[in-house]
Amino acid sequence: MPLPPAPQTPPLPYTPDYPIRTERLDLRPVTQDDFAAIHAYQRRPEVCRYLYWGPFDEAGSRASVTAKTTRTTLRESGDLLQLAVVVRDSGTLVGDVTFVWNSREHRQGGIGYVFHPDHAGHGYATEASRALLRLGFEELQLHRIQAELDGRNTASARLLERLGMRREGHLRENEFLDGEWADEVVYAMLAREWRARQHPAPRQ
């Protein structure tokens, strides 16, 4: 029996209709004017503890911001969207998020996020990350979206679980970070799991 045809993805290149709006947030392209707000958290060791970069000095953050300003359109597998997360009511930039289009052929994507700890506890990272899942599953018609994190980053793991993502893998000591071996944990969600969460079956 032949496989059913894959859903059609939007024509390429694909640029989201910015800003991507959630209940409280606007996800928009990064600009050079965002340097001060982004450097305020990129320079903090506690923010970068479980990441592959940083903490950044001013030159490092300027280079990072410049790179982010170019990542607004998907053209081919491996491309990124890197977007500033702004609280709509106040105009405050509280972090930035990343969407990775891992594979057009296999309809795979990935998400990531970095937020200023002064704005923790408001659910902004969860709300922004859910918008990335919606983009991937509903706009790009992806089959699977995953996120990877340092095994010690329990706060990030809880965020992914709130999104409904499954813990799929735990890779023992496969990364050497900050002078020590660290575990990597993989979370993922399938398109049908996303749809089930948006339209739960009625209780019997």
Foldseek 3Di string as FASTA:
>chain_A
DDDDDADDADDPFDFDDFQLDDPFKTWAQQDLVCLVVALVALADCVQCVWPPDDSDDSVRSSVVSVVQNVQGIDGAAFGKHKTFIAGVVPRHGFWIKMKHRHHLVQQEIEIDITGRVVPPPPCSVLRVVLSSVCCSCPNGVGFKYKYKTWPVPVVVVVSVVVSVWAWDDKAFQPDQPPNRGTIMTMTMDGSVSVVCVVPPDDDD
